[in-house]
Amino acid sequence: MQKLQTVNAETLLYEPLEKPSFVVDSLIPTGLSLFCGSQKIGKSWLMLKLCLCVSQGIPLWDMTTMEGDVLYLCLEDTFCRIQDRLFRLTDEASGRLHFAVASCKLSDGLIVQLEDYLKDYPDSRLIVIDTLQKVRTASKDNAYASDYGDISLIKDFADRHSLAVIVVHHIRKQNDSDVFNKVSGTTGLTGSADATFVLEKE
C-alpha cells in the first residue's frame, strides 16, 4: 500500500506555490468548469467564440485571453455545422483551434485520448467537451457517486496539466431561486468542479 504523502503547516506556509492562472482573465480559470444552460440557448455558439478568442489570443469582450492551442470536442455536431458557425463568427480562424466530432467515453479511453492530444499540442490552454452526456459513464450505481466520479476524472486531468477544461451540460426545466439547483444531475457535478456557470435568458 502506498504511504500517505503529507506536508506540515510550516512548510506549506512558506513554500512558494504556483497560483492558478486564468485562460480568460477573471472569468475562466485553469481546472474544470461546468457551463450549463437549456437546449438551444446558445451554449455551443458561446463556446466556439471563446475557443476562437483563446486560439488567437484576442480579448473575449473586454477580458484578455491566454493564447494557446484549443481543442473543441463538438460531440453533438458535424464538421459541416461547425464550418457554418465559423463563417458566421469570423473570416479569419486560427490553425491553433482543433475540432473533433467523436471521442471515447470516460469509461473507455477519453482521458487517454486527451493525453495523446496534449503530446501533439503541448501548448494547449483550453479543452471544451460539448456535452457531458456524450462522454459520461453509463451506470446503475449511486447517481451522486457516478456524477462525482465522472467529473473528478476530468478535473484530475485538467489539474495535472494546468489547463482549463470546460464541460458543457444541460439544466433542468424548473424554477429555483438557487441557479445551481437547476444543473441537471446531482450535486456531485457542481461539488467537484472548480467553477460552474449557468446561462439563462433574462
N, C-alpha and C. Protein backbone atom coordinates (compact mmCIF):
# COMPACT_ATOMS: atom_id res chain seq x y z
N MET A 1 0.84 -1.20 0.00
CA MET A 1 0.00 0.00 0.00
C MET A 1 0.88 1.25 0.00
N GLN A 2 0.51 2.24 -0.82
CA GLN A 2 1.30 3.45 -0.92
C GLN A 2 1.15 4.31 0.33
N LYS A 3 2.27 4.83 0.81
CA LYS A 3 2.27 5.66 2.00
C LYS A 3 1.68 7.04 1.70
N LEU A 4 0.96 7.62 2.67
CA LEU A 4 0.42 8.96 2.51
C LEU A 4 1.54 9.98 2.36
N GLN A 5 1.39 10.87 1.41
CA GLN A 5 2.34 11.96 1.24
C GLN A 5 1.78 13.19 1.95
N THR A 6 2.47 13.65 3.00
CA THR A 6 1.98 14.77 3.79
C THR A 6 2.94 15.95 3.73
N VAL A 7 2.43 17.12 4.10
CA VAL A 7 3.25 18.32 4.23
C VAL A 7 2.79 19.04 5.49
N ASN A 8 3.74 19.54 6.29
CA ASN A 8 3.34 20.21 7.52
C ASN A 8 3.01 21.68 7.25
N ALA A 9 2.28 22.29 8.20
CA ALA A 9 1.77 23.64 8.01
C ALA A 9 2.89 24.66 7.84
N GLU A 10 3.99 24.49 8.58
CA GLU A 10 5.09 25.45 8.49
C GLU A 10 5.69 25.45 7.08
N THR A 11 5.91 24.25 6.55
CA THR A 11 6.44 24.15 5.19
C THR A 11 5.47 24.73 4.17
N LEU A 12 4.19 24.41 4.34
CA LEU A 12 3.18 24.89 3.40
C LEU A 12 3.07 26.40 3.43
N LEU A 13 3.22 26.98 4.61
CA LEU A 13 3.06 28.43 4.76
C LEU A 13 4.13 29.19 3.99
N TYR A 14 5.34 28.65 3.95
CA TYR A 14 6.46 29.38 3.34
C TYR A 14 6.90 28.82 1.99
N GLU A 15 6.25 27.75 1.54
CA GLU A 15 6.62 27.17 0.25
C GLU A 15 5.99 27.97 -0.88
N PRO A 16 6.79 28.52 -1.80
CA PRO A 16 6.20 29.24 -2.93
C PRO A 16 5.48 28.26 -3.87
N LEU A 17 4.19 28.46 -4.04
CA LEU A 17 3.38 27.58 -4.88
C LEU A 17 2.82 28.36 -6.07
N GLU A 18 2.69 27.68 -7.18
CA GLU A 18 2.15 28.31 -8.38
C GLU A 18 0.65 28.55 -8.21
N LYS A 19 0.25 29.80 -8.40
CA LYS A 19 -1.17 30.15 -8.29
C LYS A 19 -1.92 29.73 -9.55
N PRO A 20 -3.18 29.34 -9.41
CA PRO A 20 -3.97 29.04 -10.61
C PRO A 20 -4.04 30.26 -11.52
N SER A 21 -3.91 30.05 -12.81
CA SER A 21 -3.98 31.15 -13.76
C SER A 21 -5.34 31.15 -14.44
N PHE A 22 -5.59 32.19 -15.23
CA PHE A 22 -6.86 32.34 -15.92
C PHE A 22 -6.64 32.31 -17.42
N VAL A 23 -7.36 31.44 -18.11
CA VAL A 23 -7.31 31.41 -19.57
C VAL A 23 -8.05 32.62 -20.13
N VAL A 24 -9.14 33.00 -19.47
CA VAL A 24 -9.80 34.28 -19.73
C VAL A 24 -9.75 35.05 -18.42
N ASP A 25 -9.13 36.21 -18.44
CA ASP A 25 -8.85 36.96 -17.23
C ASP A 25 -10.10 37.15 -16.37
N SER A 26 -9.99 36.72 -15.11
CA SER A 26 -11.04 36.89 -14.10
C SER A 26 -12.32 36.12 -14.39
N LEU A 27 -12.29 35.23 -15.41
CA LEU A 27 -13.51 34.51 -15.76
C LEU A 27 -13.31 33.00 -15.83
N ILE A 28 -12.39 32.53 -16.67
CA ILE A 28 -12.19 31.10 -16.87
C ILE A 28 -10.84 30.70 -16.28
N PRO A 29 -10.84 30.02 -15.13
CA PRO A 29 -9.57 29.60 -14.51
C PRO A 29 -9.10 28.27 -15.09
N THR A 30 -7.83 27.97 -14.85
CA THR A 30 -7.38 26.62 -15.13
C THR A 30 -8.10 25.68 -14.16
N GLY A 31 -8.24 24.43 -14.56
CA GLY A 31 -9.04 23.49 -13.79
C GLY A 31 -10.31 23.16 -14.56
N LEU A 32 -11.30 22.66 -13.87
CA LEU A 32 -12.54 22.22 -14.51
C LEU A 32 -13.68 23.19 -14.25
N SER A 33 -14.33 23.61 -15.32
CA SER A 33 -15.52 24.46 -15.22
C SER A 33 -16.70 23.76 -15.89
N LEU A 34 -17.87 23.87 -15.28
CA LEU A 34 -19.12 23.43 -15.89
C LEU A 34 -19.80 24.63 -16.52
N PHE A 35 -20.27 24.48 -17.75
CA PHE A 35 -21.01 25.55 -18.42
C PHE A 35 -22.37 24.99 -18.79
N CYS A 36 -23.41 25.46 -18.09
CA CYS A 36 -24.72 24.83 -18.19
C CYS A 36 -25.77 25.80 -18.74
N GLY A 37 -26.72 25.23 -19.44
CA GLY A 37 -27.82 26.04 -19.97
C GLY A 37 -28.84 25.13 -20.63
N SER A 38 -30.00 25.69 -20.91
CA SER A 38 -31.04 24.91 -21.57
C SER A 38 -30.69 24.67 -23.03
N GLN A 39 -31.39 23.76 -23.65
CA GLN A 39 -31.14 23.46 -25.05
C GLN A 39 -31.45 24.68 -25.92
N LYS A 40 -30.62 24.87 -26.95
CA LYS A 40 -30.82 25.93 -27.96
C LYS A 40 -30.70 27.34 -27.40
N ILE A 41 -30.08 27.50 -26.23
CA ILE A 41 -29.92 28.85 -25.68
C ILE A 41 -28.67 29.54 -26.22
N GLY A 42 -27.77 28.76 -26.83
CA GLY A 42 -26.57 29.36 -27.41
C GLY A 42 -25.28 28.93 -26.76
N LYS A 43 -25.30 27.82 -26.03
CA LYS A 43 -24.09 27.36 -25.34
C LYS A 43 -22.96 27.09 -26.33
N SER A 44 -23.26 26.37 -27.40
CA SER A 44 -22.22 25.99 -28.36
C SER A 44 -21.68 27.20 -29.11
N TRP A 45 -22.54 28.16 -29.42
CA TRP A 45 -22.09 29.39 -30.07
C TRP A 45 -21.10 30.13 -29.17
N LEU A 46 -21.43 30.25 -27.90
CA LEU A 46 -20.56 30.97 -26.97
C LEU A 46 -19.24 30.22 -26.78
N MET A 47 -19.30 28.90 -26.70
CA MET A 47 -18.08 28.12 -26.56
C MET A 47 -17.18 28.27 -27.79
N LEU A 48 -17.78 28.31 -28.98
CA LEU A 48 -16.98 28.49 -30.19
C LEU A 48 -16.33 29.87 -30.20
N LYS A 49 -17.07 30.89 -29.80
CA LYS A 49 -16.50 32.23 -29.69
C LYS A 49 -15.33 32.25 -28.72
N LEU A 50 -15.50 31.62 -27.57
CA LEU A 50 -14.43 31.52 -26.58
C LEU A 50 -13.21 30.83 -27.17
N CYS A 51 -13.42 29.71 -27.84
CA CYS A 51 -12.31 28.95 -28.43
C CYS A 51 -11.57 29.77 -29.47
N LEU A 52 -12.30 30.50 -30.29
CA LEU A 52 -11.67 31.37 -31.29
C LEU A 52 -10.79 32.42 -30.63
N CYS A 53 -11.29 33.04 -29.57
CA CYS A 53 -10.54 34.09 -28.89
C CYS A 53 -9.25 33.55 -28.27
N VAL A 54 -9.34 32.43 -27.56
CA VAL A 54 -8.15 31.87 -26.91
C VAL A 54 -7.14 31.40 -27.95
N SER A 55 -7.59 30.79 -29.02
CA SER A 55 -6.66 30.29 -30.04
C SER A 55 -5.93 31.41 -30.76
N GLN A 56 -6.51 32.62 -30.74
CA GLN A 56 -5.87 33.76 -31.40
C GLN A 56 -5.28 34.76 -30.41
N GLY A 57 -5.54 34.55 -29.12
CA GLY A 57 -5.03 35.46 -28.12
C GLY A 57 -5.68 36.83 -28.15
N ILE A 58 -6.94 36.88 -28.59
CA ILE A 58 -7.65 38.16 -28.63
C ILE A 58 -8.67 38.20 -27.49
N PRO A 59 -9.04 39.40 -27.04
CA PRO A 59 -9.94 39.51 -25.88
C PRO A 59 -11.31 38.89 -26.15
N LEU A 60 -11.86 38.32 -25.11
CA LEU A 60 -13.27 37.91 -25.10
C LEU A 60 -14.02 39.03 -24.43
N TRP A 61 -14.83 39.77 -25.21
CA TRP A 61 -15.41 41.03 -24.75
C TRP A 61 -14.26 41.95 -24.34
N ASP A 62 -14.14 42.33 -23.09
CA ASP A 62 -13.02 43.21 -22.71
C ASP A 62 -12.01 42.49 -21.82
N MET A 63 -12.05 41.17 -21.81
CA MET A 63 -11.16 40.38 -20.95
C MET A 63 -10.06 39.72 -21.78
N THR A 64 -8.82 39.86 -21.33
CA THR A 64 -7.70 39.29 -22.05
C THR A 64 -7.72 37.77 -21.97
N THR A 65 -7.12 37.13 -22.97
CA THR A 65 -7.06 35.67 -23.00
C THR A 65 -5.61 35.21 -23.06
N MET A 66 -5.38 33.98 -22.62
CA MET A 66 -4.06 33.37 -22.66
C MET A 66 -3.97 32.54 -23.94
N GLU A 67 -3.21 33.01 -24.91
CA GLU A 67 -3.17 32.37 -26.22
C GLU A 67 -2.55 30.98 -26.16
N GLY A 68 -3.12 30.07 -26.91
CA GLY A 68 -2.58 28.71 -26.98
C GLY A 68 -3.45 27.83 -27.84
N ASP A 69 -3.05 26.58 -27.98
CA ASP A 69 -3.86 25.64 -28.74
C ASP A 69 -5.15 25.32 -27.98
N VAL A 70 -6.20 25.07 -28.74
CA VAL A 70 -7.52 24.81 -28.16
C VAL A 70 -8.12 23.58 -28.84
N LEU A 71 -8.72 22.70 -28.05
CA LEU A 71 -9.44 21.54 -28.57
C LEU A 71 -10.91 21.68 -28.21
N TYR A 72 -11.77 21.62 -29.22
CA TYR A 72 -13.21 21.68 -29.00
C TYR A 72 -13.82 20.36 -29.46
N LEU A 73 -14.29 19.57 -28.49
CA LEU A 73 -14.99 18.32 -28.80
C LEU A 73 -16.46 18.64 -29.02
N CYS A 74 -16.85 18.78 -30.28
CA CYS A 74 -18.23 19.12 -30.65
C CYS A 74 -18.99 17.82 -30.88
N LEU A 75 -19.35 17.15 -29.82
CA LEU A 75 -19.82 15.77 -29.92
C LEU A 75 -21.29 15.65 -30.31
N GLU A 76 -21.98 16.78 -30.41
CA GLU A 76 -23.37 16.76 -30.90
C GLU A 76 -23.49 17.42 -32.27
N ASP A 77 -22.35 17.68 -32.91
CA ASP A 77 -22.34 18.42 -34.17
C ASP A 77 -21.65 17.64 -35.28
N THR A 78 -21.67 18.23 -36.47
CA THR A 78 -20.94 17.72 -37.62
C THR A 78 -19.95 18.79 -38.05
N PHE A 79 -18.94 18.41 -38.85
CA PHE A 79 -17.99 19.40 -39.34
C PHE A 79 -18.68 20.43 -40.22
N CYS A 80 -19.73 20.02 -40.92
CA CYS A 80 -20.47 20.95 -41.77
C CYS A 80 -21.12 22.05 -40.92
N ARG A 81 -21.72 21.67 -39.80
CA ARG A 81 -22.35 22.66 -38.93
C ARG A 81 -21.31 23.56 -38.28
N ILE A 82 -20.18 22.99 -37.89
CA ILE A 82 -19.11 23.80 -37.31
C ILE A 82 -18.60 24.81 -38.32
N GLN A 83 -18.43 24.37 -39.57
CA GLN A 83 -17.98 25.28 -40.63
C GLN A 83 -18.94 26.44 -40.80
N ASP A 84 -20.23 26.14 -40.79
CA ASP A 84 -21.24 27.19 -40.94
C ASP A 84 -21.14 28.20 -39.80
N ARG A 85 -20.95 27.73 -38.59
CA ARG A 85 -20.83 28.64 -37.45
C ARG A 85 -19.57 29.48 -37.54
N LEU A 86 -18.48 28.87 -38.01
CA LEU A 86 -17.24 29.63 -38.18
C LEU A 86 -17.43 30.76 -39.17
N PHE A 87 -18.09 30.49 -40.29
CA PHE A 87 -18.35 31.52 -41.29
C PHE A 87 -19.16 32.67 -40.69
N ARG A 88 -20.05 32.35 -39.78
CA ARG A 88 -20.90 33.37 -39.17
C ARG A 88 -20.16 34.20 -38.13
N LEU A 89 -19.13 33.61 -37.51
CA LEU A 89 -18.44 34.29 -36.42
C LEU A 89 -17.16 35.00 -36.84
N THR A 90 -16.49 34.51 -37.88
CA THR A 90 -15.19 35.07 -38.21
C THR A 90 -14.86 34.83 -39.67
N ASP A 91 -13.96 35.63 -40.20
CA ASP A 91 -13.42 35.37 -41.54
C ASP A 91 -11.93 35.07 -41.47
N GLU A 92 -11.44 34.89 -40.24
CA GLU A 92 -10.02 34.61 -40.05
C GLU A 92 -9.84 33.70 -38.83
N ALA A 93 -9.91 32.40 -39.04
CA ALA A 93 -9.75 31.44 -37.94
C ALA A 93 -8.28 31.06 -37.78
N SER A 94 -7.96 30.54 -36.61
CA SER A 94 -6.58 30.18 -36.28
C SER A 94 -6.34 28.69 -36.50
N GLY A 95 -5.12 28.36 -36.94
CA GLY A 95 -4.73 26.96 -37.05
C GLY A 95 -4.51 26.31 -35.71
N ARG A 96 -4.61 27.08 -34.63
CA ARG A 96 -4.42 26.54 -33.29
C ARG A 96 -5.72 26.04 -32.66
N LEU A 97 -6.84 26.21 -33.38
CA LEU A 97 -8.12 25.71 -32.89
C LEU A 97 -8.44 24.39 -33.60
N HIS A 98 -8.61 23.33 -32.81
CA HIS A 98 -8.80 21.98 -33.35
C HIS A 98 -10.18 21.46 -32.94
N PHE A 99 -10.82 20.72 -33.85
CA PHE A 99 -12.16 20.19 -33.60
C PHE A 99 -12.16 18.67 -33.72
N ALA A 100 -13.05 18.04 -32.94
CA ALA A 100 -13.36 16.62 -33.10
C ALA A 100 -14.85 16.46 -32.89
N VAL A 101 -15.46 15.56 -33.65
CA VAL A 101 -16.91 15.34 -33.52
C VAL A 101 -17.22 13.96 -32.94
N ALA A 102 -16.19 13.23 -32.55
CA ALA A 102 -16.38 11.92 -31.91
C ALA A 102 -15.22 11.67 -30.97
N SER A 103 -15.51 10.96 -29.89
CA SER A 103 -14.47 10.60 -28.93
C SER A 103 -14.91 9.37 -28.15
N CYS A 104 -13.99 8.80 -27.39
CA CYS A 104 -14.35 7.74 -26.46
C CYS A 104 -15.14 8.33 -25.29
N LYS A 105 -15.76 7.46 -24.52
CA LYS A 105 -16.38 7.88 -23.27
C LYS A 105 -15.35 7.83 -22.15
N LEU A 106 -15.69 8.44 -21.03
CA LEU A 106 -14.77 8.44 -19.89
C LEU A 106 -14.42 7.03 -19.45
N SER A 107 -15.35 6.11 -19.61
CA SER A 107 -15.14 4.74 -19.14
C SER A 107 -14.29 3.91 -20.08
N ASP A 108 -14.07 4.39 -21.31
CA ASP A 108 -13.33 3.55 -22.24
C ASP A 108 -12.24 4.27 -23.03
N GLY A 109 -11.66 5.33 -22.42
CA GLY A 109 -10.46 5.87 -23.04
C GLY A 109 -10.40 7.35 -23.35
N LEU A 110 -11.39 8.15 -22.94
CA LEU A 110 -11.34 9.57 -23.26
C LEU A 110 -10.10 10.25 -22.70
N ILE A 111 -9.77 9.98 -21.44
CA ILE A 111 -8.62 10.64 -20.83
C ILE A 111 -7.34 10.26 -21.57
N VAL A 112 -7.22 9.02 -22.00
CA VAL A 112 -6.05 8.60 -22.79
C VAL A 112 -6.01 9.37 -24.11
N GLN A 113 -7.15 9.55 -24.75
CA GLN A 113 -7.20 10.33 -25.99
C GLN A 113 -6.75 11.77 -25.75
N LEU A 114 -7.18 12.36 -24.65
CA LEU A 114 -6.78 13.73 -24.34
C LEU A 114 -5.29 13.82 -24.02
N GLU A 115 -4.77 12.83 -23.31
CA GLU A 115 -3.33 12.79 -23.03
C GLU A 115 -2.54 12.72 -24.34
N ASP A 116 -2.99 11.90 -25.27
CA ASP A 116 -2.31 11.77 -26.57
C ASP A 116 -2.38 13.09 -27.34
N TYR A 117 -3.51 13.76 -27.27
CA TYR A 117 -3.65 15.06 -27.93
C TYR A 117 -2.63 16.06 -27.39
N LEU A 118 -2.45 16.08 -26.08
CA LEU A 118 -1.52 17.02 -25.47
C LEU A 118 -0.07 16.73 -25.86
N LYS A 119 0.24 15.49 -26.15
CA LYS A 119 1.58 15.17 -26.63
C LYS A 119 1.84 15.84 -27.98
N ASP A 120 0.80 15.93 -28.80
CA ASP A 120 0.93 16.58 -30.11
C ASP A 120 0.84 18.09 -30.01
N TYR A 121 0.10 18.58 -29.01
CA TYR A 121 -0.11 20.02 -28.86
C TYR A 121 0.16 20.42 -27.41
N PRO A 122 1.44 20.45 -27.01
CA PRO A 122 1.79 20.70 -25.61
C PRO A 122 1.51 22.12 -25.14
N ASP A 123 1.26 23.05 -26.06
CA ASP A 123 0.96 24.43 -25.68
C ASP A 123 -0.54 24.68 -25.57
N SER A 124 -1.30 23.64 -25.37
CA SER A 124 -2.76 23.78 -25.25
C SER A 124 -3.12 24.54 -23.97
N ARG A 125 -4.13 25.40 -24.09
CA ARG A 125 -4.62 26.18 -22.95
C ARG A 125 -6.04 25.79 -22.54
N LEU A 126 -6.81 25.30 -23.53
CA LEU A 126 -8.24 25.10 -23.28
C LEU A 126 -8.75 23.87 -24.02
N ILE A 127 -9.58 23.09 -23.33
CA ILE A 127 -10.32 21.99 -23.95
C ILE A 127 -11.79 22.15 -23.58
N VAL A 128 -12.66 22.08 -24.57
CA VAL A 128 -14.10 22.15 -24.33
C VAL A 128 -14.73 20.81 -24.71
N ILE A 129 -15.50 20.24 -23.79
CA ILE A 129 -16.21 18.99 -24.04
C ILE A 129 -17.70 19.31 -24.13
N ASP A 130 -18.28 19.15 -25.30
CA ASP A 130 -19.66 19.54 -25.56
C ASP A 130 -20.40 18.34 -26.16
N THR A 131 -21.10 17.54 -25.35
CA THR A 131 -21.54 17.80 -23.99
C THR A 131 -21.11 16.67 -23.05
N LEU A 132 -21.35 16.89 -21.75
CA LEU A 132 -21.04 15.87 -20.75
C LEU A 132 -21.76 14.56 -21.04
N GLN A 133 -23.00 14.65 -21.46
CA GLN A 133 -23.80 13.44 -21.66
C GLN A 133 -23.17 12.51 -22.69
N LYS A 134 -22.43 13.06 -23.64
CA LYS A 134 -21.82 12.27 -24.69
C LYS A 134 -20.61 11.46 -24.21
N VAL A 135 -20.03 11.84 -23.07
CA VAL A 135 -18.81 11.16 -22.62
C VAL A 135 -18.98 10.48 -21.27
N ARG A 136 -20.10 10.70 -20.61
CA ARG A 136 -20.22 10.18 -19.25
C ARG A 136 -20.43 8.67 -19.23
N THR A 137 -20.15 8.10 -18.08
CA THR A 137 -20.23 6.66 -17.89
C THR A 137 -21.67 6.23 -17.62
N ALA A 138 -22.14 5.26 -18.38
CA ALA A 138 -23.46 4.68 -18.10
C ALA A 138 -23.35 3.82 -16.85
N SER A 139 -24.16 4.14 -15.84
CA SER A 139 -24.02 3.44 -14.57
C SER A 139 -25.38 3.28 -13.90
N LYS A 140 -25.56 2.14 -13.24
CA LYS A 140 -26.76 1.90 -12.44
C LYS A 140 -26.45 2.08 -10.96
N ASP A 141 -25.23 2.51 -10.66
CA ASP A 141 -24.83 2.71 -9.27
C ASP A 141 -25.41 4.02 -8.73
N ASN A 142 -25.01 4.36 -7.53
CA ASN A 142 -25.42 5.59 -6.89
C ASN A 142 -25.18 6.78 -7.82
N ALA A 143 -26.22 7.59 -8.06
CA ALA A 143 -26.13 8.69 -9.02
C ALA A 143 -25.09 9.72 -8.61
N TYR A 144 -25.05 10.06 -7.31
CA TYR A 144 -24.06 11.03 -6.84
C TYR A 144 -22.65 10.52 -7.07
N ALA A 145 -22.41 9.27 -6.73
CA ALA A 145 -21.08 8.70 -6.90
C ALA A 145 -20.68 8.67 -8.38
N SER A 146 -21.63 8.37 -9.25
CA SER A 146 -21.36 8.34 -10.68
C SER A 146 -21.02 9.73 -11.20
N ASP A 147 -21.82 10.74 -10.82
CA ASP A 147 -21.56 12.11 -11.24
C ASP A 147 -20.21 12.59 -10.74
N TYR A 148 -19.96 12.36 -9.46
CA TYR A 148 -18.71 12.82 -8.86
C TYR A 148 -17.51 12.12 -9.50
N GLY A 149 -17.65 10.84 -9.76
CA GLY A 149 -16.56 10.08 -10.36
C GLY A 149 -16.22 10.57 -11.76
N ASP A 150 -17.25 10.83 -12.57
CA ASP A 150 -17.02 11.31 -13.93
C ASP A 150 -16.31 12.66 -13.94
N ILE A 151 -16.83 13.60 -13.16
CA ILE A 151 -16.25 14.94 -13.15
C ILE A 151 -14.85 14.92 -12.55
N SER A 152 -14.64 14.08 -11.53
CA SER A 152 -13.32 14.00 -10.91
C SER A 152 -12.25 13.53 -11.88
N LEU A 153 -12.60 12.61 -12.77
CA LEU A 153 -11.64 12.15 -13.78
C LEU A 153 -11.18 13.30 -14.66
N ILE A 154 -12.13 14.15 -15.08
CA ILE A 154 -11.78 15.28 -15.93
C ILE A 154 -11.02 16.33 -15.14
N LYS A 155 -11.44 16.59 -13.91
CA LYS A 155 -10.76 17.58 -13.08
C LYS A 155 -9.31 17.17 -12.81
N ASP A 156 -9.09 15.91 -12.48
CA ASP A 156 -7.73 15.44 -12.23
C ASP A 156 -6.85 15.65 -13.46
N PHE A 157 -7.40 15.38 -14.64
CA PHE A 157 -6.66 15.60 -15.89
C PHE A 157 -6.32 17.08 -16.06
N ALA A 158 -7.30 17.96 -15.85
CA ALA A 158 -7.08 19.40 -16.00
C ALA A 158 -6.03 19.91 -15.02
N ASP A 159 -6.12 19.48 -13.76
CA ASP A 159 -5.16 19.91 -12.75
C ASP A 159 -3.76 19.40 -13.04
N ARG A 160 -3.68 18.18 -13.52
CA ARG A 160 -2.39 17.57 -13.81
C ARG A 160 -1.63 18.34 -14.89
N HIS A 161 -2.36 18.93 -15.81
CA HIS A 161 -1.72 19.63 -16.93
C HIS A 161 -1.87 21.15 -16.84
N SER A 162 -2.44 21.65 -15.77
CA SER A 162 -2.59 23.10 -15.56
C SER A 162 -3.24 23.78 -16.75
N LEU A 163 -4.32 23.20 -17.24
CA LEU A 163 -5.07 23.83 -18.32
C LEU A 163 -6.54 23.91 -17.95
N ALA A 164 -7.27 24.68 -18.73
CA ALA A 164 -8.70 24.84 -18.48
C ALA A 164 -9.49 23.83 -19.30
N VAL A 165 -10.40 23.14 -18.63
CA VAL A 165 -11.33 22.23 -19.31
C VAL A 165 -12.74 22.69 -18.98
N ILE A 166 -13.52 22.96 -20.01
CA ILE A 166 -14.92 23.36 -19.82
C ILE A 166 -15.81 22.23 -20.31
N VAL A 167 -16.72 21.80 -19.46
CA VAL A 167 -17.68 20.74 -19.80
C VAL A 167 -19.05 21.37 -19.95
N VAL A 168 -19.63 21.24 -21.13
CA VAL A 168 -20.96 21.80 -21.41
C VAL A 168 -22.03 20.81 -20.94
N HIS A 169 -23.04 21.34 -20.27
CA HIS A 169 -24.06 20.47 -19.68
C HIS A 169 -25.42 21.18 -19.73
N HIS A 170 -26.47 20.44 -19.47
CA HIS A 170 -27.83 20.97 -19.55
C HIS A 170 -28.37 21.30 -18.15
N ILE A 171 -29.45 22.07 -18.12
CA ILE A 171 -30.13 22.37 -16.87
C ILE A 171 -31.53 21.77 -16.90
N ARG A 172 -32.13 21.65 -15.70
CA ARG A 172 -33.49 21.14 -15.59
C ARG A 172 -34.50 22.21 -15.99
N LYS A 173 -35.65 21.78 -16.44
CA LYS A 173 -36.74 22.71 -16.76
C LYS A 173 -37.56 22.94 -15.50
N GLN A 174 -37.01 23.74 -14.59
CA GLN A 174 -37.71 24.03 -13.35
C GLN A 174 -37.25 25.38 -12.83
N ASN A 175 -38.11 26.01 -12.05
CA ASN A 175 -37.76 27.27 -11.43
C ASN A 175 -37.16 27.00 -10.06
N ASP A 176 -36.08 27.70 -9.76
CA ASP A 176 -35.44 27.55 -8.45
C ASP A 176 -34.66 28.82 -8.17
N SER A 177 -34.75 29.32 -6.96
CA SER A 177 -34.04 30.55 -6.61
C SER A 177 -32.53 30.35 -6.62
N ASP A 178 -32.08 29.12 -6.44
CA ASP A 178 -30.66 28.79 -6.50
C ASP A 178 -30.37 28.21 -7.88
N VAL A 179 -29.63 28.96 -8.69
CA VAL A 179 -29.40 28.52 -10.08
C VAL A 179 -28.65 27.19 -10.13
N PHE A 180 -27.84 26.90 -9.13
CA PHE A 180 -27.07 25.66 -9.15
C PHE A 180 -27.95 24.43 -8.99
N ASN A 181 -29.12 24.62 -8.39
CA ASN A 181 -30.06 23.50 -8.28
C ASN A 181 -30.69 23.15 -9.62
N LYS A 182 -30.54 24.04 -10.60
CA LYS A 182 -31.09 23.78 -11.93
C LYS A 182 -30.18 22.88 -12.77
N VAL A 183 -28.93 22.73 -12.35
CA VAL A 183 -28.00 21.91 -13.12
C VAL A 183 -28.48 20.46 -13.11
N SER A 184 -28.63 19.88 -14.28
CA SER A 184 -29.12 18.50 -14.39
C SER A 184 -28.15 17.54 -13.72
N GLY A 185 -28.69 16.61 -12.93
CA GLY A 185 -27.84 15.66 -12.22
C GLY A 185 -27.79 15.98 -10.74
N THR A 186 -26.84 15.38 -10.05
CA THR A 186 -26.71 15.57 -8.61
C THR A 186 -25.69 16.66 -8.30
N THR A 187 -25.58 16.99 -7.02
CA THR A 187 -24.58 17.97 -6.60
C THR A 187 -23.16 17.42 -6.71
N GLY A 188 -23.03 16.16 -7.08
CA GLY A 188 -21.71 15.61 -7.34
C GLY A 188 -21.03 16.29 -8.51
N LEU A 189 -21.81 16.86 -9.43
CA LEU A 189 -21.24 17.58 -10.57
C LEU A 189 -20.69 18.93 -10.14
N THR A 190 -21.55 19.77 -9.57
CA THR A 190 -21.11 21.10 -9.18
C THR A 190 -20.13 21.05 -8.01
N GLY A 191 -20.27 20.04 -7.16
CA GLY A 191 -19.40 19.94 -5.99
C GLY A 191 -17.96 19.65 -6.32
N SER A 192 -17.71 18.99 -7.44
CA SER A 192 -16.33 18.64 -7.78
C SER A 192 -15.72 19.56 -8.83
N ALA A 193 -16.51 20.47 -9.39
CA ALA A 193 -15.99 21.42 -10.38
C ALA A 193 -15.37 22.62 -9.68
N ASP A 194 -14.39 23.24 -10.34
CA ASP A 194 -13.77 24.45 -9.79
C ASP A 194 -14.66 25.67 -9.98
N ALA A 195 -15.44 25.68 -11.04
CA ALA A 195 -16.35 26.79 -11.32
C ALA A 195 -17.56 26.25 -12.07
N THR A 196 -18.70 26.87 -11.84
CA THR A 196 -19.93 26.49 -12.54
C THR A 196 -20.60 27.74 -13.07
N PHE A 197 -20.92 27.74 -14.36
CA PHE A 197 -21.61 28.85 -15.00
C PHE A 197 -22.97 28.36 -15.49
N VAL A 198 -23.99 29.18 -15.30
CA VAL A 198 -25.33 28.85 -15.78
C VAL A 198 -25.78 29.98 -16.70
N LEU A 199 -26.07 29.63 -17.96
CA LEU A 199 -26.52 30.61 -18.95
C LEU A 199 -28.04 30.59 -19.01
N GLU A 200 -28.65 31.75 -18.75
CA GLU A 200 -30.11 31.86 -18.77
C GLU A 200 -30.53 33.13 -19.49
N LYS A 201 -31.75 33.12 -20.02
CA LYS A 201 -32.32 34.32 -20.60
C LYS A 201 -32.86 35.20 -19.50
N GLU A 202 -32.73 36.51 -19.67
CA GLU A 202 -33.28 37.43 -18.69
C GLU A 202 -34.79 37.55 -18.86
